[in-house]
């Protein structure tokens, strides 16, 4: 129902001329479909989490705080992405939000999340050191960061949202890899008996799989920055809530590699005048090597699945 409406409103994706030439035919494909993903997440997570509240009255405050934290991170970053998409698509300003404006918005949301974490857990009587400590996998040791946790939280939120955003470059690539990563956190939520985390994660997986039906090659709709920034913020928030900060680069390994490929490409070109990859992010390199778009996407899905399984196994057995 929504895709024809987006077409009538001319909410079409513009394609970079310096990108792979095969992508030029995708110009005009409806975008901002991430709005539908966010609506689906909210309509699913809220009522089911409310049902959990009714059966776990002794954990009301914790569950409410967890759900607020996850939804605020996801919707907050989604709003930043929506503004960027709106400026580019509707107002026809190709640059959208400036890098500084995006960063400022991301920093603000990160600071609010830090304040929520501090306020809620202090109210529970948790000591400051315990609030801002990080579990080291395969050990019983906790690294106490106290106020140093703030830059870590900001790095996770901003880094994850931008890395996930860079991954959104092929039909179905991000929807599939993100569904796998959120699926891993759904299992971790069950293992930790944090059913709010599990319900939220499953809600995202369901929204992404429904979206993937229309986003798989050839895509009938793109999620835009509305979806990609929101998904990145949400997965970083899950790592914070589940205290699996060190597992985020593993479970989200595909996103990390995509971001690193861009950083290495830029650094190499600026310092040596040479490119490491034919094009970055990495998925474009494989396209230009000769892989079909579908082969690149399914290979990245499989890599994401392997990494997600490794992350879950570490959480269970470490």
C-alpha atoms as a PDB file:
ATOM      1  CA  UNK A   1       0.000   0.000   0.000  1.00  0.00           C
ATOM      2  CA  UNK A   2       2.782   2.421   0.907  1.00  0.00           C
ATOM      3  CA  UNK A   3       5.122   1.832  -2.038  1.00  0.00           C
ATOM      4  CA  UNK A   4       2.688   3.251  -4.667  1.00  0.00           C
ATOM      5  CA  UNK A   5       2.115   6.236  -2.370  1.00  0.00           C
ATOM      6  CA  UNK A   6       5.858   6.880  -2.152  1.00  0.00           C
ATOM      7  CA  UNK A   7       6.025   6.682  -5.955  1.00  0.00           C
ATOM      8  CA  UNK A   8       3.206   9.200  -6.359  1.00  0.00           C
ATOM      9  CA  UNK A   9       4.920  11.555  -3.922  1.00  0.00           C
ATOM     10  CA  UNK A  10       8.136  11.102  -5.956  1.00  0.00           C
ATOM     11  CA  UNK A  11      10.079  10.009  -2.867  1.00  0.00           C
ATOM     12  CA  UNK A  12      12.653   8.340  -5.104  1.00  0.00           C
ATOM     13  CA  UNK A  13      16.248   7.414  -4.338  1.00  0.00           C
ATOM     14  CA  UNK A  14      18.981   9.378  -6.083  1.00  0.00           C
ATOM     15  CA  UNK A  15      22.021   7.355  -7.139  1.00  0.00           C
ATOM     16  CA  UNK A  16      25.603   8.623  -6.939  1.00  0.00           C
ATOM     17  CA  UNK A  17      27.143   8.913 -10.401  1.00  0.00           C
ATOM     18  CA  UNK A  18      30.543   7.838  -9.033  1.00  0.00           C
ATOM     19  CA  UNK A  19      29.035   4.563  -7.750  1.00  0.00           C
ATOM     20  CA  UNK A  20      28.761   1.316  -9.732  1.00  0.00           C
ATOM     21  CA  UNK A  21      27.162   2.084 -13.092  1.00  0.00           C
ATOM     22  CA  UNK A  22      24.784  -0.862 -12.722  1.00  0.00           C
ATOM     23  CA  UNK A  23      23.098   1.010  -9.861  1.00  0.00           C
ATOM     24  CA  UNK A  24      21.996   3.931 -12.028  1.00  0.00           C
ATOM     25  CA  UNK A  25      18.889   1.995 -13.089  1.00  0.00           C
ATOM     26  CA  UNK A  26      17.777   2.013  -9.421  1.00  0.00           C
ATOM     27  CA  UNK A  27      17.263   5.780  -9.517  1.00  0.00           C
ATOM     28  CA  UNK A  28      13.719   6.694  -8.569  1.00  0.00           C
ATOM     29  CA  UNK A  29      13.087   3.588  -6.455  1.00  0.00           C
ATOM     30  CA  UNK A  30      10.960   4.689  -3.462  1.00  0.00           C
ATOM     31  CA  UNK A  31      12.978   5.320  -0.309  1.00  0.00           C
ATOM     32  CA  UNK A  32      12.327   6.267   3.340  1.00  0.00           C
ATOM     33  CA  UNK A  33      10.883   2.779   3.845  1.00  0.00           C
ATOM     34  CA  UNK A  34      12.661   2.738   7.200  1.00  0.00           C
ATOM     35  CA  UNK A  35       9.638   4.612   8.517  1.00  0.00           C
ATOM     36  CA  UNK A  36       7.602   1.433   8.093  1.00  0.00           C
ATOM     37  CA  UNK A  37      10.244  -0.593   9.939  1.00  0.00           C
ATOM     38  CA  UNK A  38      10.134   1.788  12.911  1.00  0.00           C
ATOM     39  CA  UNK A  39       6.326   1.792  13.042  1.00  0.00           C
ATOM     40  CA  UNK A  40       6.310  -2.002  12.984  1.00  0.00           C
ATOM     41  CA  UNK A  41       8.874  -2.200  15.807  1.00  0.00           C
ATOM     42  CA  UNK A  42       6.905   0.161  18.052  1.00  0.00           C
ATOM     43  CA  UNK A  43       3.535  -1.500  17.382  1.00  0.00           C
ATOM     44  CA  UNK A  44       5.032  -4.896  18.222  1.00  0.00           C
ATOM     45  CA  UNK A  45       7.454  -4.167  21.065  1.00  0.00           C
ATOM     46  CA  UNK A  46       5.176  -1.959  23.179  1.00  0.00           C
ATOM     47  CA  UNK A  47       2.160  -4.279  23.644  1.00  0.00           C
ATOM     48  CA  UNK A  48       4.226  -7.435  24.124  1.00  0.00           C
ATOM     49  CA  UNK A  49       6.556  -5.724  26.581  1.00  0.00           C
ATOM     50  CA  UNK A  50       3.468  -4.507  28.456  1.00  0.00           C
ATOM     51  CA  UNK A  51       2.373  -8.119  28.758  1.00  0.00           C
ATOM     52  CA  UNK A  52       5.760  -8.932  30.292  1.00  0.00           C
ATOM     53  CA  UNK A  53       5.282  -6.091  32.767  1.00  0.00           C
ATOM     54  CA  UNK A  54       1.991  -7.592  33.929  1.00  0.00           C
ATOM     55  CA  UNK A  55       3.627 -10.931  34.713  1.00  0.00           C
ATOM     56  CA  UNK A  56       6.874  -9.576  36.202  1.00  0.00           C
ATOM     57  CA  UNK A  57       5.710  -6.867  38.593  1.00  0.00           C
ATOM     58  CA  UNK A  58       8.898  -7.016  40.629  1.00  0.00           C
ATOM     59  CA  UNK A  59      10.901  -5.938  37.568  1.00  0.00           C
ATOM     60  CA  UNK A  60       8.651  -3.095  36.406  1.00  0.00           C
ATOM     61  CA  UNK A  61      11.231  -0.346  36.775  1.00  0.00           C
ATOM     62  CA  UNK A  62      14.011  -2.282  35.075  1.00  0.00           C
ATOM     63  CA  UNK A  63      11.854  -3.384  32.146  1.00  0.00           C
ATOM     64  CA  UNK A  64      10.407   0.096  31.665  1.00  0.00           C
ATOM     65  CA  UNK A  65      13.913   1.564  31.660  1.00  0.00           C
ATOM     66  CA  UNK A  66      15.241  -1.057  29.243  1.00  0.00           C
ATOM     67  CA  UNK A  67      12.375  -0.536  26.811  1.00  0.00           C
ATOM     68  CA  UNK A  68      12.704   3.257  26.972  1.00  0.00           C
ATOM     69  CA  UNK A  69      16.452   2.991  26.426  1.00  0.00           C
ATOM     70  CA  UNK A  70      16.074   0.738  23.374  1.00  0.00           C
ATOM     71  CA  UNK A  71      13.217   2.659  21.783  1.00  0.00           C
ATOM     72  CA  UNK A  72      14.786   6.066  22.441  1.00  0.00           C
ATOM     73  CA  UNK A  73      18.045   4.987  20.829  1.00  0.00           C
ATOM     74  CA  UNK A  74      16.319   3.431  17.814  1.00  0.00           C
ATOM     75  CA  UNK A  75      13.729   6.147  17.226  1.00  0.00           C
ATOM     76  CA  UNK A  76      16.160   8.958  18.055  1.00  0.00           C
ATOM     77  CA  UNK A  77      18.653   7.863  15.441  1.00  0.00           C
ATOM     78  CA  UNK A  78      15.754   7.105  13.107  1.00  0.00           C
ATOM     79  CA  UNK A  79      14.601  10.725  13.389  1.00  0.00           C
ATOM     80  CA  UNK A  80      18.086  11.931  12.425  1.00  0.00           C
ATOM     81  CA  UNK A  81      17.968   9.638   9.404  1.00  0.00           C
ATOM     82  CA  UNK A  82      14.434  10.774   8.556  1.00  0.00           C
ATOM     83  CA  UNK A  83      15.495  14.433   8.558  1.00  0.00           C
ATOM     84  CA  UNK A  84      18.432  13.572   6.313  1.00  0.00           C
ATOM     85  CA  UNK A  85      16.190  11.631   3.907  1.00  0.00           C
ATOM     86  CA  UNK A  86      13.507  14.338   3.954  1.00  0.00           C
ATOM     87  CA  UNK A  87      15.969  17.086   3.061  1.00  0.00           C
ATOM     88  CA  UNK A  88      17.484  15.010   0.240  1.00  0.00           C
ATOM     89  CA  UNK A  89      14.322  13.447  -1.180  1.00  0.00           C
ATOM     90  CA  UNK A  90      11.517  15.897  -0.477  1.00  0.00           C
ATOM     91  CA  UNK A  91      13.356  19.223  -0.377  1.00  0.00           C
ATOM     92  CA  UNK A  92      15.639  18.079  -3.223  1.00  0.00           C
ATOM     93  CA  UNK A  93      18.847  19.136  -1.446  1.00  0.00           C
ATOM     94  CA  UNK A  94      21.315  16.408  -2.386  1.00  0.00           C
ATOM     95  CA  UNK A  95      23.607  16.778   0.631  1.00  0.00           C
ATOM     96  CA  UNK A  96      20.905  16.391   3.312  1.00  0.00           C
ATOM     97  CA  UNK A  97      22.090  17.070   6.835  1.00  0.00           C
ATOM     98  CA  UNK A  98      25.705  18.130   7.158  1.00  0.00           C
ATOM     99  CA  UNK A  99      28.164  15.806   8.884  1.00  0.00           C
ATOM    100  CA  UNK A 100      28.339  18.224  11.815  1.00  0.00           C
ATOM    101  CA  UNK A 101      24.549  18.300  12.191  1.00  0.00           C
ATOM    102  CA  UNK A 102      24.353  14.497  12.160  1.00  0.00           C
ATOM    103  CA  UNK A 103      27.170  14.200  14.690  1.00  0.00           C
ATOM    104  CA  UNK A 104      25.570  16.765  16.984  1.00  0.00           C
ATOM    105  CA  UNK A 105      22.276  14.875  16.945  1.00  0.00           C
ATOM    106  CA  UNK A 106      24.026  11.553  17.565  1.00  0.00           C
ATOM    107  CA  UNK A 107      26.005  13.018  20.469  1.00  0.00           C
ATOM    108  CA  UNK A 108      22.869  14.480  22.041  1.00  0.00           C
ATOM    109  CA  UNK A 109      21.028  11.136  21.939  1.00  0.00           C
ATOM    110  CA  UNK A 110      24.096   9.372  23.363  1.00  0.00           C
ATOM    111  CA  UNK A 111      24.289  11.826  26.253  1.00  0.00           C
ATOM    112  CA  UNK A 112      20.592  11.317  27.041  1.00  0.00           C
ATOM    113  CA  UNK A 113      21.090   7.542  27.041  1.00  0.00           C
ATOM    114  CA  UNK A 114      24.058   7.876  29.400  1.00  0.00           C
ATOM    115  CA  UNK A 115      21.941  10.005  31.750  1.00  0.00           C
ATOM    116  CA  UNK A 116      19.102   7.434  31.666  1.00  0.00           C
ATOM    117  CA  UNK A 117      21.537   4.614  32.442  1.00  0.00           C
ATOM    118  CA  UNK A 118      23.061   6.545  35.334  1.00  0.00           C
ATOM    119  CA  UNK A 119      19.719   7.687  36.775  1.00  0.00           C
ATOM    120  CA  UNK A 120      17.899   4.367  36.647  1.00  0.00           C
ATOM    121  CA  UNK A 121      20.699   2.191  37.953  1.00  0.00           C
ATOM    122  CA  UNK A 122      21.594   4.657  40.684  1.00  0.00           C
ATOM    123  CA  UNK A 123      17.934   4.590  41.760  1.00  0.00           C
ATOM    124  CA  UNK A 124      18.208   0.802  41.986  1.00  0.00           C
ATOM    125  CA  UNK A 125      21.063   1.223  44.455  1.00  0.00           C
ATOM    126  CA  UNK A 126      23.767   0.062  42.072  1.00  0.00           C
ATOM    127  CA  UNK A 127      27.215   1.467  42.797  1.00  0.00           C
ATOM    128  CA  UNK A 128      28.775   3.744  40.207  1.00  0.00           C
ATOM    129  CA  UNK A 129      31.577   1.313  39.452  1.00  0.00           C
ATOM    130  CA  UNK A 130      29.131  -1.513  38.817  1.00  0.00           C
ATOM    131  CA  UNK A 131      26.985   0.674  36.544  1.00  0.00           C
ATOM    132  CA  UNK A 132      29.875   1.512  34.276  1.00  0.00           C
ATOM    133  CA  UNK A 133      31.832  -1.716  34.136  1.00  0.00           C
ATOM    134  CA  UNK A 134      32.444  -3.999  31.184  1.00  0.00           C
ATOM    135  CA  UNK A 135      32.586  -7.796  31.353  1.00  0.00           C
ATOM    136  CA  UNK A 136      35.656  -9.334  29.731  1.00  0.00           C
ATOM    137  CA  UNK A 137      34.767 -12.535  27.799  1.00  0.00           C
ATOM    138  CA  UNK A 138      36.303 -15.817  28.999  1.00  0.00           C
ATOM    139  CA  UNK A 139      37.178 -14.280  32.366  1.00  0.00           C
ATOM    140  CA  UNK A 140      35.416 -13.448  35.624  1.00  0.00           C
ATOM    141  CA  UNK A 141      36.960  -9.989  35.508  1.00  0.00           C
ATOM    142  CA  UNK A 142      35.002  -6.764  35.149  1.00  0.00           C
ATOM    143  CA  UNK A 143      36.763  -3.696  33.796  1.00  0.00           C
ATOM    144  CA  UNK A 144      35.546  -0.726  35.864  1.00  0.00           C
ATOM    145  CA  UNK A 145      35.393   2.428  33.749  1.00  0.00           C
ATOM    146  CA  UNK A 146      33.253   4.792  35.878  1.00  0.00           C
ATOM    147  CA  UNK A 147      33.020   8.049  33.896  1.00  0.00           C
ATOM    148  CA  UNK A 148      35.191   6.670  31.100  1.00  0.00           C
ATOM    149  CA  UNK A 149      32.114   4.663  30.102  1.00  0.00           C
ATOM    150  CA  UNK A 150      30.662   7.852  28.582  1.00  0.00           C
ATOM    151  CA  UNK A 151      33.146   8.060  25.668  1.00  0.00           C
ATOM    152  CA  UNK A 152      32.758   4.288  25.164  1.00  0.00           C
ATOM    153  CA  UNK A 153      28.967   4.633  24.970  1.00  0.00           C
ATOM    154  CA  UNK A 154      29.228   7.548  22.532  1.00  0.00           C
ATOM    155  CA  UNK A 155      31.758   5.648  20.414  1.00  0.00           C
ATOM    156  CA  UNK A 156      29.463   2.610  20.287  1.00  0.00           C
ATOM    157  CA  UNK A 157      26.346   4.596  19.407  1.00  0.00           C
ATOM    158  CA  UNK A 158      27.948   6.798  16.763  1.00  0.00           C
ATOM    159  CA  UNK A 159      30.220   4.087  15.379  1.00  0.00           C
ATOM    160  CA  UNK A 160      27.478   1.464  15.096  1.00  0.00           C
ATOM    161  CA  UNK A 161      24.942   3.797  13.490  1.00  0.00           C
ATOM    162  CA  UNK A 162      27.412   4.996  10.858  1.00  0.00           C
ATOM    163  CA  UNK A 163      28.809   1.510  10.200  1.00  0.00           C
ATOM    164  CA  UNK A 164      25.319   0.090   9.681  1.00  0.00           C
ATOM    165  CA  UNK A 165      24.478   3.061   7.448  1.00  0.00           C
ATOM    166  CA  UNK A 166      27.499   2.292   5.232  1.00  0.00           C
ATOM    167  CA  UNK A 167      26.328  -1.316   4.854  1.00  0.00           C
ATOM    168  CA  UNK A 168      23.058  -0.207   3.261  1.00  0.00           C
ATOM    169  CA  UNK A 169      24.270  -0.210  -0.337  1.00  0.00           C
ATOM    170  CA  UNK A 170      22.790  -3.278  -2.048  1.00  0.00           C
ATOM    171  CA  UNK A 171      19.271  -4.680  -2.323  1.00  0.00           C
ATOM    172  CA  UNK A 172      18.514  -6.621   0.846  1.00  0.00           C
ATOM    173  CA  UNK A 173      22.064  -6.439   2.207  1.00  0.00           C
ATOM    174  CA  UNK A 174      21.361  -4.483   5.380  1.00  0.00           C
ATOM    175  CA  UNK A 175      17.904  -5.932   6.008  1.00  0.00           C
ATOM    176  CA  UNK A 176      19.349  -9.456   6.019  1.00  0.00           C
ATOM    177  CA  UNK A 177      22.546  -8.827   7.977  1.00  0.00           C
ATOM    178  CA  UNK A 178      20.725  -6.694  10.560  1.00  0.00           C
ATOM    179  CA  UNK A 179      18.005  -9.346  10.986  1.00  0.00           C
ATOM    180  CA  UNK A 180      20.729 -11.890  11.782  1.00  0.00           C
ATOM    181  CA  UNK A 181      22.459  -9.574  14.279  1.00  0.00           C
ATOM    182  CA  UNK A 182      19.210  -8.690  16.046  1.00  0.00           C
ATOM    183  CA  UNK A 183      18.325 -12.380  16.093  1.00  0.00           C
ATOM    184  CA  UNK A 184      21.543 -13.008  18.003  1.00  0.00           C
ATOM    185  CA  UNK A 185      20.526 -10.414  20.594  1.00  0.00           C
ATOM    186  CA  UNK A 186      17.080 -12.001  20.865  1.00  0.00           C
ATOM    187  CA  UNK A 187      18.815 -15.229  21.937  1.00  0.00           C
ATOM    188  CA  UNK A 188      21.114 -13.350  24.314  1.00  0.00           C
ATOM    189  CA  UNK A 189      18.063 -11.669  25.852  1.00  0.00           C
ATOM    190  CA  UNK A 190      16.486 -15.076  26.481  1.00  0.00           C
ATOM    191  CA  UNK A 191      19.731 -16.439  27.936  1.00  0.00           C
ATOM    192  CA  UNK A 192      19.903 -13.476  30.331  1.00  0.00           C
ATOM    193  CA  UNK A 193      16.164 -13.746  31.127  1.00  0.00           C
ATOM    194  CA  UNK A 194      15.768 -10.168  29.944  1.00  0.00           C
ATOM    195  CA  UNK A 195      12.535 -10.627  28.041  1.00  0.00           C
ATOM    196  CA  UNK A 196      12.268  -6.958  27.098  1.00  0.00           C
ATOM    197  CA  UNK A 197      15.530  -7.306  25.160  1.00  0.00           C
ATOM    198  CA  UNK A 198      14.283 -10.517  23.567  1.00  0.00           C
ATOM    199  CA  UNK A 199      10.903  -9.036  22.595  1.00  0.00           C
ATOM    200  CA  UNK A 200      12.445  -5.848  21.212  1.00  0.00           C
ATOM    201  CA  UNK A 201      15.016  -7.811  19.192  1.00  0.00           C
ATOM    202  CA  UNK A 202      12.418 -10.208  17.792  1.00  0.00           C
ATOM    203  CA  UNK A 203      10.231  -7.216  16.886  1.00  0.00           C
ATOM    204  CA  UNK A 204      13.093  -5.790  14.836  1.00  0.00           C
ATOM    205  CA  UNK A 205      13.748  -9.161  13.174  1.00  0.00           C
ATOM    206  CA  UNK A 206      10.080  -9.451  12.198  1.00  0.00           C
ATOM    207  CA  UNK A 207      10.010  -5.907  10.836  1.00  0.00           C
ATOM    208  CA  UNK A 208      13.169  -6.526   8.797  1.00  0.00           C
ATOM    209  CA  UNK A 209      12.007  -9.848   7.356  1.00  0.00           C
ATOM    210  CA  UNK A 210       8.717  -8.253   6.321  1.00  0.00           C
ATOM    211  CA  UNK A 211      10.625  -5.368   4.756  1.00  0.00           C
ATOM    212  CA  UNK A 212      13.041  -7.773   3.048  1.00  0.00           C
ATOM    213  CA  UNK A 213      10.185  -9.215   0.974  1.00  0.00           C
ATOM    214  CA  UNK A 214      10.054  -5.871  -0.851  1.00  0.00           C
ATOM    215  CA  UNK A 215      13.721  -4.907  -0.458  1.00  0.00           C
ATOM    216  CA  UNK A 216      15.347  -8.057  -1.875  1.00  0.00           C
ATOM    217  CA  UNK A 217      16.769  -7.808  -5.388  1.00  0.00           C
ATOM    218  CA  UNK A 218      15.300  -6.189  -7.386  1.00  0.00           C
ATOM    219  CA  UNK A 219      14.270  -3.821  -4.588  1.00  0.00           C
ATOM    220  CA  UNK A 220      10.861  -2.183  -4.750  1.00  0.00           C
ATOM    221  CA  UNK A 221      11.689   0.120  -1.817  1.00  0.00           C
ATOM    222  CA  UNK A 222      14.790   1.252   0.116  1.00  0.00           C
ATOM    223  CA  UNK A 223      14.917   1.928   3.849  1.00  0.00           C
ATOM    224  CA  UNK A 224      17.058   5.064   3.509  1.00  0.00           C
ATOM    225  CA  UNK A 225      18.969   6.635   6.387  1.00  0.00           C
ATOM    226  CA  UNK A 226      15.721   6.528   8.377  1.00  0.00           C
ATOM    227  CA  UNK A 227      16.121   2.781   8.707  1.00  0.00           C
ATOM    228  CA  UNK A 228      19.887   2.323   8.633  1.00  0.00           C
ATOM    229  CA  UNK A 229      20.758   4.886  11.320  1.00  0.00           C
ATOM    230  CA  UNK A 230      17.924   3.588  13.522  1.00  0.00           C
ATOM    231  CA  UNK A 231      19.107  -0.015  13.212  1.00  0.00           C
ATOM    232  CA  UNK A 232      22.655   0.992  14.113  1.00  0.00           C
ATOM    233  CA  UNK A 233      21.525   2.911  17.176  1.00  0.00           C
ATOM    234  CA  UNK A 234      19.305   0.051  18.266  1.00  0.00           C
ATOM    235  CA  UNK A 235      21.958  -2.632  18.062  1.00  0.00           C
ATOM    236  CA  UNK A 236      24.450  -0.514  20.027  1.00  0.00           C
ATOM    237  CA  UNK A 237      21.770   0.062  22.683  1.00  0.00           C
ATOM    238  CA  UNK A 238      21.218  -3.704  22.907  1.00  0.00           C
ATOM    239  CA  UNK A 239      24.935  -4.267  23.528  1.00  0.00           C
ATOM    240  CA  UNK A 240      24.835  -1.694  26.327  1.00  0.00           C
ATOM    241  CA  UNK A 241      21.693  -3.080  27.995  1.00  0.00           C
ATOM    242  CA  UNK A 242      22.926  -6.687  27.825  1.00  0.00           C
ATOM    243  CA  UNK A 243      26.440  -5.632  28.944  1.00  0.00           C
ATOM    244  CA  UNK A 244      27.960  -7.327  25.902  1.00  0.00           C
ATOM    245  CA  UNK A 245      29.974  -4.359  24.695  1.00  0.00           C
ATOM    246  CA  UNK A 246      32.916  -6.524  23.622  1.00  0.00           C
ATOM    247  CA  UNK A 247      30.608  -8.798  21.612  1.00  0.00           C
ATOM    248  CA  UNK A 248      29.180  -5.975  19.500  1.00  0.00           C
ATOM    249  CA  UNK A 249      32.155  -5.910  17.065  1.00  0.00           C
ATOM    250  CA  UNK A 250      31.745  -9.686  16.646  1.00  0.00           C
ATOM    251  CA  UNK A 251      27.971  -9.907  16.248  1.00  0.00           C
ATOM    252  CA  UNK A 252      28.084  -6.789  14.066  1.00  0.00           C
ATOM    253  CA  UNK A 253      31.291  -7.875  12.378  1.00  0.00           C
ATOM    254  CA  UNK A 254      29.980  -7.274   8.851  1.00  0.00           C
ATOM    255  CA  UNK A 255      29.208  -3.655   9.751  1.00  0.00           C
ATOM    256  CA  UNK A 256      32.661  -3.218  11.290  1.00  0.00           C
ATOM    257  CA  UNK A 257      34.407  -4.553   8.181  1.00  0.00           C
ATOM    258  CA  UNK A 258      32.321  -2.301   5.934  1.00  0.00           C
ATOM    259  CA  UNK A 259      33.263   0.765   7.986  1.00  0.00           C
ATOM    260  CA  UNK A 260      36.941  -0.238   8.146  1.00  0.00           C
ATOM    261  CA  UNK A 261      37.042  -0.656   4.365  1.00  0.00           C
ATOM    262  CA  UNK A 262      35.969   2.966   3.943  1.00  0.00           C
ATOM    263  CA  UNK A 263      38.454   4.233   6.539  1.00  0.00           C
ATOM    264  CA  UNK A 264      41.336   2.277   4.996  1.00  0.00           C
ATOM    265  CA  UNK A 265      40.399   3.404   1.494  1.00  0.00           C
ATOM    266  CA  UNK A 266      40.335   7.068   2.475  1.00  0.00           C
ATOM    267  CA  UNK A 267      43.555   6.826   4.511  1.00  0.00           C
ATOM    268  CA  UNK A 268      45.408   5.019   1.718  1.00  0.00           C
ATOM    269  CA  UNK A 269      44.291   7.452  -0.965  1.00  0.00           C
ATOM    270  CA  UNK A 270      45.174  10.521   1.096  1.00  0.00           C
ATOM    271  CA  UNK A 271      48.594   9.236   2.195  1.00  0.00           C
ATOM    272  CA  UNK A 272      49.737   7.186  -0.813  1.00  0.00           C
ATOM    273  CA  UNK A 273      47.430   8.344  -3.609  1.00  0.00           C
ATOM    274  CA  UNK A 274      46.438   4.706  -4.141  1.00  0.00           C
ATOM    275  CA  UNK A 275      43.235   2.775  -3.463  1.00  0.00           C
ATOM    276  CA  UNK A 276      43.209  -0.551  -1.636  1.00  0.00           C
ATOM    277  CA  UNK A 277      39.808  -1.588  -2.983  1.00  0.00           C
ATOM    278  CA  UNK A 278      38.243  -0.921  -6.347  1.00  0.00           C
ATOM    279  CA  UNK A 279      35.514   0.917  -4.460  1.00  0.00           C
ATOM    280  CA  UNK A 280      34.384   1.211  -0.876  1.00  0.00           C
ATOM    281  CA  UNK A 281      32.415   0.187   1.129  1.00  0.00           C
ATOM    282  CA  UNK A 282      33.605  -3.388   0.646  1.00  0.00           C
ATOM    283  CA  UNK A 283      30.403  -4.703  -0.976  1.00  0.00           C
ATOM    284  CA  UNK A 284      31.017  -2.420  -3.970  1.00  0.00           C
ATOM    285  CA  UNK A 285      34.533  -3.841  -4.365  1.00  0.00           C
ATOM    286  CA  UNK A 286      33.126  -7.332  -4.871  1.00  0.00           C
ATOM    287  CA  UNK A 287      30.588  -5.981  -7.340  1.00  0.00           C
ATOM    288  CA  UNK A 288      33.344  -4.441  -9.445  1.00  0.00           C
ATOM    289  CA  UNK A 289      35.393  -7.638  -9.203  1.00  0.00           C
ATOM    290  CA  UNK A 290      32.542  -9.320 -11.086  1.00  0.00           C
ATOM    291  CA  UNK A 291      30.295 -10.836  -8.435  1.00  0.00           C
ATOM    292  CA  UNK A 292      26.570 -10.533  -9.017  1.00  0.00           C
ATOM    293  CA  UNK A 293      24.680  -8.341  -6.558  1.00  0.00           C
ATOM    294  CA  UNK A 294      22.810 -11.349  -5.196  1.00  0.00           C
ATOM    295  CA  UNK A 295      26.073 -13.273  -4.643  1.00  0.00           C
ATOM    296  CA  UNK A 296      27.563 -10.389  -2.686  1.00  0.00           C
ATOM    297  CA  UNK A 297      24.424 -10.068  -0.552  1.00  0.00           C
ATOM    298  CA  UNK A 298      24.085 -13.773   0.277  1.00  0.00           C
ATOM    299  CA  UNK A 299      27.821 -14.067   1.042  1.00  0.00           C
ATOM    300  CA  UNK A 300      27.600 -11.158   3.477  1.00  0.00           C
ATOM    301  CA  UNK A 301      24.447 -12.668   5.022  1.00  0.00           C
ATOM    302  CA  UNK A 302      26.309 -15.935   5.603  1.00  0.00           C
ATOM    303  CA  UNK A 303      29.330 -14.130   7.082  1.00  0.00           C
ATOM    304  CA  UNK A 304      26.974 -12.220   9.394  1.00  0.00           C
ATOM    305  CA  UNK A 305      25.325 -15.471  10.463  1.00  0.00           C
ATOM    306  CA  UNK A 306      28.664 -17.114  11.309  1.00  0.00           C
ATOM    307  CA  UNK A 307      29.750 -14.088  13.344  1.00  0.00           C
ATOM    308  CA  UNK A 308      26.385 -13.914  15.135  1.00  0.00           C
ATOM    309  CA  UNK A 309      26.637 -17.575  16.133  1.00  0.00           C
ATOM    310  CA  UNK A 310      30.181 -17.001  17.434  1.00  0.00           C
ATOM    311  CA  UNK A 311      28.965 -14.052  19.499  1.00  0.00           C
ATOM    312  CA  UNK A 312      26.078 -16.019  21.022  1.00  0.00           C
ATOM    313  CA  UNK A 313      28.333 -18.987  21.817  1.00  0.00           C
ATOM    314  CA  UNK A 314      30.808 -16.680  23.571  1.00  0.00           C
ATOM    315  CA  UNK A 315      27.995 -15.150  25.652  1.00  0.00           C
ATOM    316  CA  UNK A 316      26.676 -18.593  26.659  1.00  0.00           C
ATOM    317  CA  UNK A 317      29.959 -20.331  27.377  1.00  0.00           C
ATOM    318  CA  UNK A 318      32.364 -17.549  28.302  1.00  0.00           C
END
